[in-house]
Structures are given as C-alpha cells and as structure tokens.
Amino acid sequence: MVLLKRAAQIADLLRAYKIIVDDQQVGTIRRGKEVSFDVAPGPHSMWLRIDWAMSNKLDFVSDGSPLELECGSNFAGWRAFLGVQHAVSAGPGYLWLRFKNAK
C-alpha cells in the first residue's frame, strides 16, 4: 500500500495532481489531502502530472508494507513571484515527490 500526502500550498489550489504508477494513472490528489492505493509487490516507478508539468520520477520496491510519500509544488514561496514563465518552463521540475521525512 502507498500512502501519499499533498502539501497544503497555494500553488494549484483548486487543481488535482494525477498519480501515475508504472505508466498508468491510479488516481488523483488534491491540496492538503491524503490518498492511499495498493500496488503489487515488486519494483515500481511513480510520478505526478498536472497539464504539461510533472514531478521527478520515484522508483521503489513494494514488499506489502505501507510506504509513505509526500508531494507538492516547487512553484511556492519566493518562486511564486517568478510568474507564468516559471510555471511554463518548469516541466519536470514543477512538482516534487519524495519519501516522507526525506529532505
């Protein structure tokens, strides 16, 4: 099982991120929410997508125990003042995805 929590940021306030695992959309996640979904045991690749922008790809191996992840937008804080140019050019750097408590 994968538990994914999205940061409660202003960026993408009213929009959901698509959750992609092994090239298949398995769900969506909204601002400040947490979702869970099952994955088969073994190796997997996961990333998030919103329009043309996406997150880094996170590879993991599921052994059946819960795996906690967190996500959010890099278009926050001082970056929000960069305007539309940053949002358009960010591509794979617009969103972030990481293991919980990994900094």
N, C-alpha and C. Protein backbone atom coordinates (compact mmCIF):
# COMPACT_ATOMS: atom_id res chain seq x y z
N MET A 1 0.84 -1.17 0.00
CA MET A 1 0.00 0.00 0.00
C MET A 1 0.89 1.24 0.00
N VAL A 2 0.48 2.24 -0.77
CA VAL A 2 1.16 3.53 -0.82
C VAL A 2 0.24 4.57 -0.21
N LEU A 3 0.78 5.37 0.73
CA LEU A 3 0.07 6.49 1.33
C LEU A 3 0.75 7.75 0.83
N LEU A 4 -0.01 8.61 0.16
CA LEU A 4 0.54 9.84 -0.41
C LEU A 4 -0.17 11.04 0.18
N LYS A 5 0.60 12.01 0.70
CA LYS A 5 0.04 13.23 1.26
C LYS A 5 0.55 14.41 0.46
N ARG A 6 -0.38 15.30 0.09
CA ARG A 6 -0.03 16.50 -0.67
C ARG A 6 0.03 17.70 0.27
N ALA A 7 1.05 18.51 0.11
CA ALA A 7 1.22 19.72 0.91
C ALA A 7 0.05 20.68 0.67
N ALA A 8 -0.29 21.46 1.69
CA ALA A 8 -1.38 22.46 1.59
C ALA A 8 -0.79 23.79 1.16
N GLN A 9 -0.38 23.87 -0.10
CA GLN A 9 0.21 25.08 -0.65
C GLN A 9 -0.81 25.88 -1.45
N ILE A 10 -0.49 27.14 -1.69
CA ILE A 10 -1.35 27.98 -2.51
C ILE A 10 -1.30 27.53 -3.98
N ALA A 11 -0.13 27.08 -4.42
CA ALA A 11 0.03 26.64 -5.81
C ALA A 11 -1.00 25.56 -6.15
N ASP A 12 -1.64 25.69 -7.28
CA ASP A 12 -2.62 24.71 -7.77
C ASP A 12 -3.74 24.48 -6.76
N LEU A 13 -4.14 25.53 -6.12
CA LEU A 13 -5.13 25.50 -5.04
C LEU A 13 -6.36 24.65 -5.36
N LEU A 14 -6.91 24.82 -6.54
CA LEU A 14 -8.16 24.14 -6.89
C LEU A 14 -7.97 22.97 -7.85
N ARG A 15 -6.73 22.54 -8.04
CA ARG A 15 -6.47 21.51 -9.04
C ARG A 15 -5.92 20.25 -8.42
N ALA A 16 -6.18 19.14 -9.06
CA ALA A 16 -5.70 17.84 -8.59
C ALA A 16 -4.49 17.41 -9.42
N TYR A 17 -3.56 16.72 -8.77
CA TYR A 17 -2.42 16.13 -9.45
C TYR A 17 -2.78 14.69 -9.81
N LYS A 18 -2.44 14.27 -11.00
CA LYS A 18 -2.65 12.89 -11.42
C LYS A 18 -1.50 12.05 -10.86
N ILE A 19 -1.84 10.90 -10.33
CA ILE A 19 -0.85 9.97 -9.77
C ILE A 19 -0.61 8.87 -10.80
N ILE A 20 0.64 8.77 -11.26
CA ILE A 20 1.00 7.79 -12.28
C ILE A 20 1.94 6.75 -11.68
N VAL A 21 1.56 5.48 -11.77
CA VAL A 21 2.40 4.38 -11.31
C VAL A 21 2.57 3.42 -12.49
N ASP A 22 3.82 3.16 -12.84
CA ASP A 22 4.12 2.24 -13.95
C ASP A 22 3.36 2.61 -15.21
N ASP A 23 3.36 3.90 -15.55
CA ASP A 23 2.74 4.45 -16.77
C ASP A 23 1.22 4.36 -16.79
N GLN A 24 0.59 4.12 -15.64
CA GLN A 24 -0.88 4.06 -15.56
C GLN A 24 -1.36 5.03 -14.48
N GLN A 25 -2.39 5.82 -14.80
CA GLN A 25 -2.95 6.70 -13.78
C GLN A 25 -3.74 5.86 -12.78
N VAL A 26 -3.40 6.01 -11.49
CA VAL A 26 -4.06 5.23 -10.44
C VAL A 26 -4.96 6.09 -9.57
N GLY A 27 -4.96 7.40 -9.80
CA GLY A 27 -5.81 8.28 -9.01
C GLY A 27 -5.37 9.72 -9.12
N THR A 28 -5.95 10.56 -8.27
CA THR A 28 -5.61 11.97 -8.20
C THR A 28 -5.49 12.37 -6.73
N ILE A 29 -4.84 13.50 -6.51
CA ILE A 29 -4.73 14.01 -5.15
C ILE A 29 -4.89 15.53 -5.17
N ARG A 30 -5.67 16.03 -4.21
CA ARG A 30 -5.93 17.47 -4.10
C ARG A 30 -5.15 18.08 -2.95
N ARG A 31 -5.08 19.39 -2.94
CA ARG A 31 -4.34 20.18 -1.95
C ARG A 31 -4.69 19.77 -0.52
N GLY A 32 -3.66 19.47 0.29
CA GLY A 32 -3.85 19.15 1.70
C GLY A 32 -4.47 17.80 1.99
N LYS A 33 -4.67 16.98 0.99
CA LYS A 33 -5.33 15.68 1.16
C LYS A 33 -4.32 14.54 1.21
N GLU A 34 -4.80 13.39 1.62
CA GLU A 34 -4.02 12.16 1.65
C GLU A 34 -4.82 11.08 0.95
N VAL A 35 -4.16 10.31 0.11
CA VAL A 35 -4.81 9.20 -0.58
C VAL A 35 -3.97 7.94 -0.37
N SER A 36 -4.60 6.80 -0.51
CA SER A 36 -3.88 5.54 -0.44
C SER A 36 -4.33 4.65 -1.59
N PHE A 37 -3.43 3.81 -2.04
CA PHE A 37 -3.76 2.86 -3.09
C PHE A 37 -2.81 1.68 -2.98
N ASP A 38 -3.26 0.56 -3.48
CA ASP A 38 -2.46 -0.67 -3.42
C ASP A 38 -1.60 -0.81 -4.67
N VAL A 39 -0.43 -1.38 -4.48
CA VAL A 39 0.44 -1.75 -5.58
C VAL A 39 0.88 -3.19 -5.35
N ALA A 40 1.12 -3.88 -6.43
CA ALA A 40 1.58 -5.27 -6.33
C ALA A 40 3.01 -5.29 -5.77
N PRO A 41 3.38 -6.37 -5.10
CA PRO A 41 4.78 -6.48 -4.64
C PRO A 41 5.73 -6.41 -5.83
N GLY A 42 6.88 -5.79 -5.59
CA GLY A 42 7.89 -5.68 -6.64
C GLY A 42 8.28 -4.25 -6.94
N PRO A 43 9.09 -4.05 -7.99
CA PRO A 43 9.58 -2.72 -8.34
C PRO A 43 8.53 -1.89 -9.07
N HIS A 44 8.53 -0.59 -8.79
CA HIS A 44 7.57 0.35 -9.41
C HIS A 44 8.23 1.70 -9.64
N SER A 45 7.67 2.46 -10.57
CA SER A 45 8.04 3.85 -10.82
C SER A 45 6.80 4.69 -10.67
N MET A 46 6.95 5.84 -10.00
CA MET A 46 5.79 6.70 -9.75
C MET A 46 6.18 8.15 -9.98
N TRP A 47 5.25 8.92 -10.51
CA TRP A 47 5.41 10.36 -10.63
C TRP A 47 4.05 11.00 -10.67
N LEU A 48 4.03 12.34 -10.62
CA LEU A 48 2.78 13.11 -10.65
C LEU A 48 2.75 13.97 -11.90
N ARG A 49 1.54 14.33 -12.31
CA ARG A 49 1.39 15.13 -13.52
C ARG A 49 0.26 16.12 -13.34
N ILE A 50 0.46 17.34 -13.87
CA ILE A 50 -0.60 18.33 -13.98
C ILE A 50 -0.34 19.07 -15.29
N ASP A 51 -1.26 18.97 -16.22
CA ASP A 51 -1.09 19.52 -17.56
C ASP A 51 0.21 19.01 -18.17
N TRP A 52 1.09 19.91 -18.62
CA TRP A 52 2.35 19.52 -19.24
C TRP A 52 3.47 19.33 -18.21
N ALA A 53 3.21 19.73 -16.98
CA ALA A 53 4.24 19.68 -15.94
C ALA A 53 4.17 18.36 -15.17
N MET A 54 5.31 17.96 -14.62
CA MET A 54 5.33 16.73 -13.85
C MET A 54 6.38 16.80 -12.75
N SER A 55 6.37 15.77 -11.94
CA SER A 55 7.32 15.66 -10.84
C SER A 55 8.51 14.82 -11.29
N ASN A 56 9.45 14.72 -10.38
CA ASN A 56 10.53 13.76 -10.54
C ASN A 56 9.92 12.35 -10.51
N LYS A 57 10.65 11.40 -11.07
CA LYS A 57 10.22 10.00 -11.02
C LYS A 57 10.83 9.38 -9.77
N LEU A 58 10.02 8.65 -9.04
CA LEU A 58 10.46 7.99 -7.82
C LEU A 58 10.35 6.48 -8.01
N ASP A 59 11.46 5.79 -7.93
CA ASP A 59 11.48 4.33 -8.04
C ASP A 59 11.46 3.72 -6.65
N PHE A 60 10.68 2.67 -6.47
CA PHE A 60 10.60 2.00 -5.18
C PHE A 60 10.25 0.53 -5.38
N VAL A 61 10.46 -0.24 -4.34
CA VAL A 61 10.11 -1.65 -4.35
C VAL A 61 9.09 -1.88 -3.25
N SER A 62 7.94 -2.41 -3.61
CA SER A 62 6.89 -2.69 -2.64
C SER A 62 7.07 -4.10 -2.09
N ASP A 63 7.03 -4.20 -0.76
CA ASP A 63 7.10 -5.52 -0.12
C ASP A 63 5.81 -5.83 0.64
N GLY A 64 4.77 -5.03 0.40
CA GLY A 64 3.49 -5.23 1.06
C GLY A 64 3.28 -4.35 2.27
N SER A 65 4.35 -3.79 2.84
CA SER A 65 4.19 -2.89 3.98
C SER A 65 3.88 -1.48 3.48
N PRO A 66 3.19 -0.68 4.29
CA PRO A 66 2.83 0.68 3.85
C PRO A 66 4.06 1.53 3.54
N LEU A 67 3.99 2.25 2.46
CA LEU A 67 5.05 3.16 2.03
C LEU A 67 4.48 4.57 2.05
N GLU A 68 5.10 5.48 2.81
CA GLU A 68 4.58 6.83 2.95
C GLU A 68 5.38 7.81 2.08
N LEU A 69 4.65 8.55 1.24
CA LEU A 69 5.23 9.53 0.34
C LEU A 69 4.54 10.87 0.55
N GLU A 70 5.20 11.94 0.09
CA GLU A 70 4.59 13.26 0.14
C GLU A 70 4.92 13.99 -1.16
N CYS A 71 4.07 14.97 -1.49
CA CYS A 71 4.25 15.68 -2.75
C CYS A 71 3.80 17.13 -2.60
N GLY A 72 4.15 17.92 -3.60
CA GLY A 72 3.76 19.32 -3.62
C GLY A 72 4.31 20.00 -4.85
N SER A 73 4.20 21.31 -4.87
CA SER A 73 4.66 22.12 -6.00
C SER A 73 5.92 22.87 -5.62
N ASN A 74 6.87 22.93 -6.55
CA ASN A 74 8.04 23.77 -6.37
C ASN A 74 7.72 25.23 -6.67
N PHE A 75 6.52 25.50 -7.18
CA PHE A 75 6.07 26.85 -7.51
C PHE A 75 5.43 27.46 -6.27
N ALA A 76 6.24 27.60 -5.23
CA ALA A 76 5.75 28.10 -3.94
C ALA A 76 6.80 29.03 -3.35
N GLY A 77 6.45 29.72 -2.29
CA GLY A 77 7.38 30.64 -1.64
C GLY A 77 7.85 31.72 -2.59
N TRP A 78 9.13 31.99 -2.62
CA TRP A 78 9.68 33.06 -3.46
C TRP A 78 9.52 32.75 -4.95
N ARG A 79 9.43 31.47 -5.31
CA ARG A 79 9.27 31.11 -6.73
C ARG A 79 7.94 31.59 -7.30
N ALA A 80 6.95 31.77 -6.43
CA ALA A 80 5.64 32.24 -6.90
C ALA A 80 5.75 33.62 -7.55
N PHE A 81 6.78 34.37 -7.20
CA PHE A 81 6.95 35.71 -7.76
C PHE A 81 7.61 35.69 -9.14
N LEU A 82 8.03 34.53 -9.61
CA LEU A 82 8.64 34.43 -10.92
C LEU A 82 7.60 34.47 -12.03
N GLY A 83 6.35 34.29 -11.68
CA GLY A 83 5.26 34.43 -12.65
C GLY A 83 5.07 33.25 -13.57
N VAL A 84 4.35 33.51 -14.63
CA VAL A 84 3.94 32.47 -15.58
C VAL A 84 5.13 31.81 -16.25
N GLN A 85 6.20 32.55 -16.51
CA GLN A 85 7.35 31.97 -17.18
C GLN A 85 7.88 30.75 -16.44
N HIS A 86 7.96 30.83 -15.13
CA HIS A 86 8.45 29.68 -14.35
C HIS A 86 7.50 28.49 -14.48
N ALA A 87 6.22 28.75 -14.39
CA ALA A 87 5.23 27.66 -14.47
C ALA A 87 5.29 26.97 -15.83
N VAL A 88 5.48 27.74 -16.89
CA VAL A 88 5.50 27.18 -18.24
C VAL A 88 6.79 26.41 -18.50
N SER A 89 7.91 26.93 -18.01
CA SER A 89 9.19 26.31 -18.33
C SER A 89 9.63 25.24 -17.34
N ALA A 90 8.91 25.08 -16.24
CA ALA A 90 9.36 24.17 -15.19
C ALA A 90 9.36 22.71 -15.63
N GLY A 91 8.40 22.29 -16.48
CA GLY A 91 8.37 20.91 -16.96
C GLY A 91 8.45 19.90 -15.84
N PRO A 92 9.49 19.04 -15.84
CA PRO A 92 9.59 18.01 -14.82
C PRO A 92 9.98 18.54 -13.44
N GLY A 93 10.29 19.81 -13.31
CA GLY A 93 10.65 20.36 -12.02
C GLY A 93 9.53 21.11 -11.33
N TYR A 94 8.35 21.14 -11.92
CA TYR A 94 7.25 21.91 -11.35
C TYR A 94 6.72 21.28 -10.07
N LEU A 95 6.63 19.97 -10.04
CA LEU A 95 6.14 19.25 -8.86
C LEU A 95 7.28 18.46 -8.23
N TRP A 96 7.13 18.14 -6.95
CA TRP A 96 8.10 17.28 -6.28
C TRP A 96 7.37 16.09 -5.64
N LEU A 97 8.10 15.00 -5.54
CA LEU A 97 7.61 13.76 -4.96
C LEU A 97 8.78 13.13 -4.20
N ARG A 98 8.55 12.74 -2.95
CA ARG A 98 9.63 12.15 -2.15
C ARG A 98 9.05 11.23 -1.07
N PHE A 99 9.95 10.43 -0.52
CA PHE A 99 9.58 9.60 0.62
C PHE A 99 9.33 10.51 1.82
N LYS A 100 8.35 10.21 2.63
CA LYS A 100 8.04 11.04 3.79
C LYS A 100 9.26 11.14 4.71
N ASN A 101 9.48 12.32 5.22
CA ASN A 101 10.61 12.65 6.10
C ASN A 101 11.95 12.67 5.39
N ALA A 102 11.98 12.59 4.07
CA ALA A 102 13.23 12.75 3.32
C ALA A 102 13.33 14.21 2.90
N LYS A 103 14.42 14.85 3.19
CA LYS A 103 14.57 16.27 2.85
C LYS A 103 15.68 16.46 1.85
